[in-house]
Amino acid sequence: MANSLSSLNPQFWAKEAQRSLFVENKAMAIANTTLRNLVAGEGDTVTRTIVSYPASSTYTPGTDITNDTVTGSSEDLTIATWLASKVTVDDTEKVQSIIELGSNISNKMMKDHNNRIEQAVLVEVTNAVHTLDDGNVGGTSGSNAIVNTNTVPQFFIAADTKLDAQDAPKAGRTAVIGGHFLGQLKLQQAARPTAFGDGVNSRGIVTNLFGWDMLYSNNLPYTAVLTIATNPTADDTITIAGVTFKFVATLAAAGDLNIGSSAAASVANLVVALNDPATSITEATDTGYTKLNAEDIFMLRDKRRVTAVATSATVTTISGFGDIVVSETLTASADVWSGQRQDSLFLVRGAMDMIVQIPPKIEVVRDQDQFADIVKSLLGYGKKTYADGAREMVRVKIDASTSDWS
């Protein structure tokens, strides 16, 4: 009979608890940050005045010139977004931990703030004057654009056409693209004798092609629509970015959602859970949710920043950032995801303005009532797409429901 000595076996822990799963910030590569000099030490608003263009007309010698009226309008960039986080690390936790808890937590706080800055800049794509969809690349007008090896070059041609019509500068044209767009671009270039750089420089630029700098980001805005017209049955699931919610009659496991008395009640329950995945909901007739595990909460709340809005009693629209994949196993065949879209951003660098008045910073202070360190972080910023910048931006609506997204 073998000895039972498993309790004596040593455990070895890696010094680094886990890899930090945040993207490197690309926002400063495309935003104009020079306005920060105006409010570096004080103030919360930068106002720009836009003056109309005087028109020219035929001049007849010896006659008076018609006077043109010039008008002015102003637009404000307000610094009003403040983000902070706080964690208390007890001395007993520090001394018994194999990792340096303070450094680990500080690193994650910094990366979270940088992630928020990038998302704040890239969501400005919604303010672009110009839009491209499937109709601009040989498909159906009004539909999200299909990206493949045939259509990839057409996006750059179409974006150039939009910007050239505005006499936008050729210099600094940058395409911010996601992983699926970049993958199709690589396949398209693989069949051609051209040099396609696959490195990423300090600004995050992958290569220059078709006269555009290619900037890869996994923080582009994403949206999708879920219809639940029939009340789910037990074990029906909804999956977003690899995180699964399961409709059940009785709550039991993380991610469980109580089936309401109607489809509308179940949808409302789902929306609340998506908007606050770290808080359980007490089980009742029409409510009930068991909070996700920590890793899934991080993925939805912090990394992809998924939010949900019930656009009707049975339709939910989710928004987030990055290459998000959605799926479902709803019993009713008509209840499906639709309208999956990711917005790529083609622009002249500096088209939007960003002021980071308080760059991400960390403070560590002692807790006066405990033997513990308080680790705090702070970020303060404002952003704005002025009218002239909006004319130098193109929103490319990419279909995120194609097979290469699944």
Protein backbone atom coordinates (compact mmCIF):
# COMPACT_ATOMS: atom_id res chain seq x y z
CA MET A 1 0.00 0.00 0.00
CA ALA A 2 1.44 3.38 -1.01
CA ASN A 3 2.15 6.01 1.62
CA SER A 4 -0.21 9.02 1.79
CA LEU A 5 2.26 11.89 1.93
CA SER A 6 0.74 14.38 -0.53
CA SER A 7 0.43 17.00 2.19
CA LEU A 8 4.24 17.12 2.39
CA ASN A 9 4.71 17.89 -1.29
CA PRO A 10 6.10 21.41 -1.87
CA GLN A 11 4.23 23.92 -4.02
CA PHE A 12 6.15 26.20 -6.36
CA TRP A 13 4.65 29.49 -7.47
CA ALA A 14 5.72 31.61 -10.41
CA LYS A 15 7.09 35.02 -9.43
CA GLU A 16 4.78 36.73 -11.94
CA ALA A 17 1.18 35.94 -11.03
CA GLN A 18 -0.17 36.27 -14.56
CA ARG A 19 0.34 38.12 -17.79
CA SER A 20 -1.36 41.49 -18.04
CA LEU A 21 -3.88 41.23 -20.88
CA PHE A 22 -4.14 44.82 -22.10
CA VAL A 23 -3.21 46.21 -25.49
CA GLU A 24 -0.40 48.71 -25.95
CA ASN A 25 -1.74 52.25 -26.26
CA LYS A 26 -2.03 53.57 -29.83
CA ALA A 27 -4.09 56.68 -29.08
CA MET A 28 -1.15 59.04 -28.96
CA ALA A 29 -0.09 57.91 -32.44
CA ILE A 30 -3.21 59.34 -34.06
CA ALA A 31 -4.54 62.08 -31.76
CA ASN A 32 -3.35 65.67 -31.64
CA THR A 33 -2.03 66.24 -28.12
CA THR A 34 -0.56 69.73 -28.50
CA LEU A 35 -3.57 71.46 -26.93
CA ARG A 36 -2.42 70.13 -23.55
CA ASN A 37 0.09 72.99 -23.46
CA LEU A 38 -2.83 75.42 -23.09
CA VAL A 39 -4.19 73.76 -19.93
CA ALA A 40 -1.08 72.11 -18.54
CA GLY A 41 -1.40 73.72 -15.13
CA GLU A 42 -4.90 75.13 -14.96
CA GLY A 43 -8.23 75.31 -16.72
CA ASP A 44 -10.66 72.69 -17.92
CA THR A 45 -11.72 73.90 -21.38
CA VAL A 46 -10.04 74.66 -24.69
CA THR A 47 -12.16 76.68 -27.11
CA ARG A 48 -11.43 76.81 -30.81
CA THR A 49 -13.03 79.40 -33.07
CA ILE A 50 -14.03 78.34 -36.57
CA VAL A 51 -14.21 81.24 -39.04
CA SER A 52 -16.21 80.91 -42.25
CA TYR A 53 -14.54 81.26 -45.66
CA PRO A 54 -14.96 84.53 -47.60
CA ALA A 55 -16.13 83.97 -51.17
CA SER A 56 -14.47 85.50 -54.23
CA SER A 57 -16.44 86.99 -57.11
CA THR A 58 -15.75 88.65 -60.44
CA TYR A 59 -14.22 92.08 -60.11
CA THR A 60 -15.22 94.83 -62.55
CA PRO A 61 -12.65 97.63 -62.64
CA GLY A 62 -14.04 100.90 -61.33
CA THR A 63 -16.89 99.34 -59.37
CA ASP A 64 -17.25 98.60 -55.69
CA ILE A 65 -16.44 95.11 -54.44
CA THR A 66 -19.34 93.33 -52.76
CA ASN A 67 -18.70 92.96 -49.06
CA ASP A 68 -18.73 89.41 -47.66
CA THR A 69 -19.92 88.69 -44.14
CA VAL A 70 -17.63 86.37 -42.20
CA THR A 71 -19.14 84.37 -39.33
CA GLY A 72 -17.47 82.57 -36.49
CA SER A 73 -18.46 79.67 -34.29
CA SER A 74 -16.73 78.03 -31.36
CA GLU A 75 -16.29 74.46 -30.18
CA ASP A 76 -15.11 73.39 -26.74
CA LEU A 77 -12.91 70.55 -25.60
CA THR A 78 -13.73 69.97 -21.94
CA ILE A 79 -11.53 68.00 -19.59
CA ALA A 80 -14.10 66.24 -17.44
CA THR A 81 -13.26 62.53 -17.35
CA TRP A 82 -11.58 61.38 -14.14
CA LEU A 83 -10.84 57.73 -13.46
CA ALA A 84 -9.37 56.29 -10.28
CA SER A 85 -8.76 52.95 -8.60
CA LYS A 86 -7.71 51.91 -5.11
CA VAL A 87 -6.46 48.69 -3.54
CA THR A 88 -5.32 48.11 0.04
CA VAL A 89 -2.52 45.57 0.53
CA ASP A 90 -2.02 44.41 4.10
CA ASP A 91 1.53 43.80 5.36
CA THR A 92 0.58 40.21 6.19
CA GLU A 93 -0.49 39.70 2.58
CA LYS A 94 2.77 41.17 1.32
CA VAL A 95 5.01 39.06 3.50
CA GLN A 96 3.17 35.83 2.65
CA SER A 97 2.93 36.46 -1.09
CA ILE A 98 5.47 34.97 -3.50
CA ILE A 99 4.94 37.92 -5.86
CA GLU A 100 5.44 41.64 -5.29
CA LEU A 101 1.79 42.57 -4.87
CA GLY A 102 2.27 46.34 -4.97
CA SER A 103 4.16 46.25 -8.28
CA ASN A 104 1.73 43.77 -9.80
CA ILE A 105 -1.31 45.86 -8.86
CA SER A 106 0.32 49.14 -9.94
CA ASN A 107 1.19 47.69 -13.34
CA LYS A 108 -2.38 46.56 -13.90
CA MET A 109 -3.76 49.95 -12.87
CA MET A 110 -1.50 51.73 -15.36
CA LYS A 111 -2.45 49.39 -18.18
CA ASP A 112 -6.14 49.76 -17.41
CA HIS A 113 -5.88 53.57 -17.62
CA ASN A 114 -3.94 53.40 -20.89
CA ASN A 115 -6.57 51.03 -22.24
CA ARG A 116 -9.31 53.53 -21.36
CA ILE A 117 -7.45 56.36 -23.12
CA GLU A 118 -7.15 54.34 -26.32
CA GLN A 119 -10.83 53.39 -26.27
CA ALA A 120 -11.80 57.02 -25.65
CA VAL A 121 -9.86 58.13 -28.73
CA LEU A 122 -11.00 55.35 -31.06
CA VAL A 123 -14.70 55.77 -30.24
CA GLU A 124 -14.39 59.20 -31.86
CA VAL A 125 -14.77 57.30 -35.15
CA THR A 126 -18.51 57.83 -34.68
CA ASN A 127 -17.96 61.56 -35.30
CA ALA A 128 -16.41 61.04 -38.73
CA VAL A 129 -18.07 62.99 -41.56
CA HIS A 130 -17.39 60.20 -44.06
CA THR A 131 -18.60 56.59 -43.93
CA LEU A 132 -17.74 53.50 -45.94
CA ASP A 133 -19.88 50.38 -46.09
CA ASP A 134 -20.25 47.37 -48.37
CA GLY A 135 -21.52 49.50 -51.24
CA ASN A 136 -18.16 51.28 -51.44
CA VAL A 137 -16.26 48.05 -52.07
CA GLY A 138 -18.48 46.42 -54.66
CA GLY A 139 -21.18 45.04 -52.37
CA THR A 140 -24.59 46.10 -51.10
CA SER A 141 -25.02 49.73 -50.10
CA GLY A 142 -26.27 50.13 -46.54
CA SER A 143 -24.79 46.82 -45.36
CA ASN A 144 -21.69 46.38 -43.25
CA ALA A 145 -18.64 45.82 -45.42
CA ILE A 146 -17.24 42.35 -46.06
CA VAL A 147 -13.44 42.28 -45.70
CA ASN A 148 -11.60 39.76 -47.86
CA THR A 149 -8.55 39.65 -50.11
CA ASN A 150 -10.53 41.14 -52.99
CA THR A 151 -12.02 44.08 -51.10
CA VAL A 152 -9.06 45.06 -48.92
CA PRO A 153 -7.39 47.39 -51.47
CA GLN A 154 -10.75 48.99 -52.28
CA PHE A 155 -11.12 50.36 -48.75
CA PHE A 156 -7.99 52.45 -49.16
CA ILE A 157 -9.05 53.69 -52.58
CA ALA A 158 -12.51 54.61 -51.30
CA ALA A 159 -11.10 56.34 -48.22
CA ASP A 160 -8.65 58.29 -50.38
CA THR A 161 -11.55 59.38 -52.57
CA LYS A 162 -13.50 60.66 -49.57
CA LEU A 163 -10.54 62.59 -48.16
CA ASP A 164 -9.30 63.86 -51.52
CA ALA A 165 -12.72 65.41 -52.13
CA GLN A 166 -12.06 67.52 -49.01
CA ASP A 167 -8.47 68.32 -50.10
CA ALA A 168 -7.34 66.65 -46.88
CA PRO A 169 -3.55 66.33 -46.49
CA LYS A 170 -1.90 63.29 -48.03
CA ALA A 171 0.74 63.23 -45.32
CA GLY A 172 -0.18 61.41 -42.13
CA ARG A 173 -2.98 59.27 -43.52
CA THR A 174 -3.38 56.39 -41.10
CA ALA A 175 -5.67 53.35 -41.10
CA VAL A 176 -6.48 51.95 -37.66
CA ILE A 177 -7.50 48.35 -38.30
CA GLY A 178 -8.37 45.30 -36.25
CA GLY A 179 -6.97 41.78 -36.35
CA HIS A 180 -9.38 40.42 -38.97
CA PHE A 181 -8.76 43.30 -41.38
CA LEU A 182 -5.01 42.89 -40.85
CA GLY A 183 -5.25 39.15 -41.48
CA GLN A 184 -7.00 39.63 -44.82
CA LEU A 185 -4.47 42.31 -45.73
CA LYS A 186 -1.62 39.88 -45.06
CA LEU A 187 -3.27 37.24 -47.25
CA GLN A 188 -3.83 39.78 -50.01
CA GLN A 189 -0.20 40.90 -49.92
CA ALA A 190 1.17 37.37 -49.70
CA ALA A 191 0.29 36.78 -53.36
CA ARG A 192 2.09 39.93 -54.50
CA PRO A 193 5.81 40.69 -54.82
CA THR A 194 5.69 43.63 -52.41
CA ALA A 195 7.46 44.21 -49.15
CA PHE A 196 4.97 43.96 -46.31
CA GLY A 197 6.50 44.75 -42.95
CA ASP A 198 5.14 42.75 -40.07
CA GLY A 199 6.98 44.50 -37.28
CA VAL A 200 5.47 47.14 -35.03
CA ASN A 201 7.44 50.29 -34.32
CA SER A 202 7.22 52.52 -31.26
CA ARG A 203 4.03 54.15 -32.58
CA GLY A 204 2.39 50.79 -33.24
CA ILE A 205 2.56 51.12 -37.04
CA VAL A 206 2.70 47.76 -38.79
CA THR A 207 3.66 48.99 -42.26
CA ASN A 208 2.95 51.62 -44.91
CA LEU A 209 0.87 50.45 -47.84
CA PHE A 210 -1.20 52.19 -50.51
CA GLY A 211 0.11 55.48 -49.09
CA TRP A 212 -1.35 54.73 -45.64
CA ASP A 213 0.31 53.90 -42.33
CA MET A 214 -1.30 50.74 -40.94
CA LEU A 215 -1.94 50.92 -37.21
CA TYR A 216 -3.19 47.73 -35.55
CA SER A 217 -5.47 47.99 -32.53
CA ASN A 218 -7.66 45.53 -30.69
CA ASN A 219 -9.69 48.39 -29.21
CA LEU A 220 -11.86 49.43 -32.14
CA PRO A 221 -15.56 50.02 -31.32
CA TYR A 222 -17.84 47.00 -31.71
CA THR A 223 -21.61 46.61 -31.62
CA ALA A 224 -24.12 43.78 -32.06
CA VAL A 225 -27.86 43.21 -31.64
CA LEU A 226 -29.49 40.27 -29.85
CA THR A 227 -33.17 39.44 -30.31
CA ILE A 228 -34.94 37.31 -27.69
CA ALA A 229 -38.59 37.35 -28.73
CA THR A 230 -39.31 33.94 -27.15
CA ASN A 231 -38.57 33.37 -23.49
CA PRO A 232 -35.43 31.20 -23.17
CA THR A 233 -35.63 27.64 -21.94
CA ALA A 234 -33.36 26.06 -19.35
CA ASP A 235 -29.69 25.76 -20.45
CA ASP A 236 -30.01 28.24 -23.34
CA THR A 237 -26.80 30.26 -23.49
CA ILE A 238 -25.47 33.63 -24.63
CA THR A 239 -21.73 33.98 -25.23
CA ILE A 240 -19.88 37.30 -25.59
CA ALA A 241 -16.09 37.49 -26.02
CA GLY A 242 -15.74 33.93 -24.75
CA VAL A 243 -17.84 34.57 -21.61
CA THR A 244 -20.99 32.48 -21.33
CA PHE A 245 -24.26 33.31 -19.58
CA LYS A 246 -26.74 30.46 -19.08
CA PHE A 247 -30.48 30.81 -18.57
CA VAL A 248 -31.65 28.51 -15.76
CA ALA A 249 -34.70 27.85 -13.64
CA THR A 250 -32.62 27.89 -10.44
CA LEU A 251 -29.31 29.70 -9.99
CA ALA A 252 -26.36 27.41 -9.35
CA ALA A 253 -23.13 28.45 -11.10
CA ALA A 254 -21.25 31.59 -12.15
CA GLY A 255 -22.94 33.27 -15.11
CA ASP A 256 -26.36 31.76 -14.43
CA LEU A 257 -29.35 33.96 -15.32
CA ASN A 258 -32.82 33.36 -13.95
CA ILE A 259 -35.48 32.79 -16.61
CA GLY A 260 -38.12 35.48 -16.12
CA SER A 261 -41.86 35.18 -16.51
CA SER A 262 -41.62 36.59 -20.04
CA ALA A 263 -39.06 37.22 -22.75
CA ALA A 264 -39.02 40.90 -21.82
CA ALA A 265 -38.26 40.08 -18.19
CA SER A 266 -35.43 37.74 -19.18
CA VAL A 267 -33.97 40.39 -21.49
CA ALA A 268 -34.11 43.00 -18.73
CA ASN A 269 -32.35 40.57 -16.38
CA LEU A 270 -29.62 39.96 -18.98
CA VAL A 271 -29.07 43.69 -19.53
CA VAL A 272 -28.56 44.35 -15.82
CA ALA A 273 -26.07 41.48 -15.58
CA LEU A 274 -24.08 42.68 -18.62
CA ASN A 275 -23.81 46.20 -17.25
CA ASP A 276 -22.64 45.03 -13.82
CA PRO A 277 -21.20 41.51 -14.20
CA ALA A 278 -19.46 41.65 -10.80
CA THR A 279 -22.68 42.00 -8.79
CA SER A 280 -25.02 39.08 -8.19
CA ILE A 281 -28.78 39.65 -8.34
CA THR A 282 -31.07 38.06 -5.78
CA GLU A 283 -33.20 35.36 -7.34
CA ALA A 284 -36.87 36.30 -7.71
CA THR A 285 -39.68 35.83 -10.23
CA ASP A 286 -38.16 38.04 -12.92
CA THR A 287 -34.61 38.61 -11.66
CA GLY A 288 -31.61 36.61 -10.63
CA TYR A 289 -27.98 36.35 -11.61
CA THR A 290 -24.85 34.70 -10.21
CA LYS A 291 -21.80 36.85 -10.79
CA LEU A 292 -19.07 35.64 -13.12
CA ASN A 293 -15.63 34.53 -12.01
CA ALA A 294 -12.91 37.18 -11.74
CA GLU A 295 -11.30 36.45 -15.11
CA ASP A 296 -14.59 36.69 -17.00
CA ILE A 297 -15.50 39.90 -15.17
CA PHE A 298 -12.16 41.36 -16.22
CA MET A 299 -12.76 40.36 -19.84
CA LEU A 300 -16.22 41.96 -20.12
CA ARG A 301 -16.00 44.90 -17.74
CA ASP A 302 -12.38 46.04 -18.01
CA LYS A 303 -10.84 44.72 -21.20
CA ARG A 304 -13.72 44.75 -23.71
CA ARG A 305 -15.90 47.19 -21.70
CA VAL A 306 -19.12 45.59 -22.84
CA THR A 307 -22.32 47.50 -22.09
CA ALA A 308 -25.91 46.69 -23.01
CA VAL A 309 -29.06 48.67 -23.78
CA ALA A 310 -32.55 47.20 -24.24
CA THR A 311 -33.64 48.99 -27.41
CA SER A 312 -37.05 47.36 -27.04
CA ALA A 313 -38.64 44.81 -24.75
CA THR A 314 -37.06 41.92 -26.66
CA VAL A 315 -34.04 43.45 -28.39
CA THR A 316 -30.68 44.19 -26.77
CA THR A 317 -27.82 46.13 -28.32
CA ILE A 318 -24.37 45.55 -26.89
CA SER A 319 -21.37 47.80 -27.37
CA GLY A 320 -17.72 47.17 -26.60
CA PHE A 321 -14.19 47.40 -27.93
CA GLY A 322 -12.00 44.98 -29.87
CA ASP A 323 -12.41 41.76 -31.80
CA ILE A 324 -15.50 40.49 -30.00
CA VAL A 325 -17.18 37.23 -31.04
CA VAL A 326 -20.78 36.50 -30.04
CA SER A 327 -22.88 33.33 -30.23
CA GLU A 328 -26.01 31.78 -28.74
CA THR A 329 -27.77 28.45 -28.23
CA LEU A 330 -31.27 29.83 -27.84
CA THR A 331 -34.00 27.29 -28.48
CA ALA A 332 -36.11 29.61 -30.65
CA SER A 333 -34.53 29.61 -34.10
CA ALA A 334 -35.58 33.22 -34.75
CA ASP A 335 -33.73 34.48 -31.67
CA VAL A 336 -30.25 35.26 -32.94
CA TRP A 337 -27.44 37.80 -33.00
CA SER A 338 -27.43 40.29 -35.88
CA GLY A 339 -25.78 43.52 -36.93
CA GLN A 340 -22.33 42.53 -35.67
CA ARG A 341 -20.05 45.42 -36.63
CA GLN A 342 -16.60 46.73 -35.92
CA ASP A 343 -15.64 50.26 -36.97
CA SER A 344 -12.22 50.73 -38.54
CA LEU A 345 -10.90 54.29 -38.58
CA PHE A 346 -9.17 55.88 -41.57
CA LEU A 347 -7.97 59.42 -40.86
CA VAL A 348 -5.33 62.07 -41.18
CA ARG A 349 -3.21 61.81 -38.05
CA GLY A 350 -4.21 64.51 -35.56
CA ALA A 351 -7.81 64.74 -36.76
CA MET A 352 -9.11 64.45 -33.20
CA ASP A 353 -7.71 66.21 -30.14
CA MET A 354 -6.81 64.61 -26.83
CA ILE A 355 -5.69 66.30 -23.64
CA VAL A 356 -4.40 64.06 -20.87
CA GLN A 357 -4.22 66.63 -18.08
CA ILE A 358 -3.32 64.05 -15.46
CA PRO A 359 -1.40 61.19 -17.10
CA PRO A 360 -1.93 57.78 -15.48
CA LYS A 361 -0.13 57.93 -12.15
CA ILE A 362 0.27 55.74 -9.09
CA GLU A 363 0.54 56.71 -5.43
CA VAL A 364 1.38 54.35 -2.57
CA VAL A 365 0.66 55.60 0.95
CA ARG A 366 0.46 53.94 4.35
CA ASP A 367 -2.96 53.37 5.88
CA GLN A 368 -2.94 55.23 9.21
CA ASP A 369 -5.37 52.78 10.82
CA GLN A 370 -3.89 49.55 9.50
CA PHE A 371 -0.55 47.93 8.80
CA ALA A 372 -1.11 48.22 5.08
CA ASP A 373 -0.25 50.07 1.87
CA ILE A 374 -2.91 51.91 -0.08
CA VAL A 375 -2.23 51.75 -3.81
CA LYS A 376 -4.11 54.45 -5.74
CA SER A 377 -4.21 55.45 -9.39
CA LEU A 378 -5.61 58.51 -11.17
CA LEU A 379 -6.22 59.59 -14.74
CA GLY A 380 -7.78 62.79 -16.08
CA TYR A 381 -8.46 63.60 -19.73
CA GLY A 382 -10.69 65.26 -22.28
CA LYS A 383 -11.13 64.64 -26.00
CA LYS A 384 -12.88 66.26 -28.91
CA THR A 385 -13.28 65.93 -32.66
CA TYR A 386 -13.63 69.46 -33.98
CA ALA A 387 -15.59 70.07 -37.18
CA ASP A 388 -12.50 70.42 -39.37
CA GLY A 389 -11.03 67.21 -37.93
CA ALA A 390 -14.24 65.30 -38.55
CA ARG A 391 -13.87 66.04 -42.26
CA GLU A 392 -10.50 64.25 -42.17
CA MET A 393 -11.94 61.03 -40.73
CA VAL A 394 -13.59 58.04 -42.44
CA ARG A 395 -15.66 55.49 -40.53
CA VAL A 396 -15.44 52.03 -42.10
CA LYS A 397 -18.29 49.75 -41.00
CA ILE A 398 -16.90 46.20 -41.02
CA ASP A 399 -19.14 43.12 -40.98
CA ALA A 400 -18.12 41.16 -37.87
CA SER A 401 -20.42 38.21 -38.51
CA THR A 402 -18.43 36.51 -41.27
CA SER A 403 -16.92 33.07 -40.77
CA ASP A 404 -13.41 34.31 -40.00
CA TRP A 405 -14.77 36.02 -36.86
CA SER A 406 -16.15 32.83 -35.32
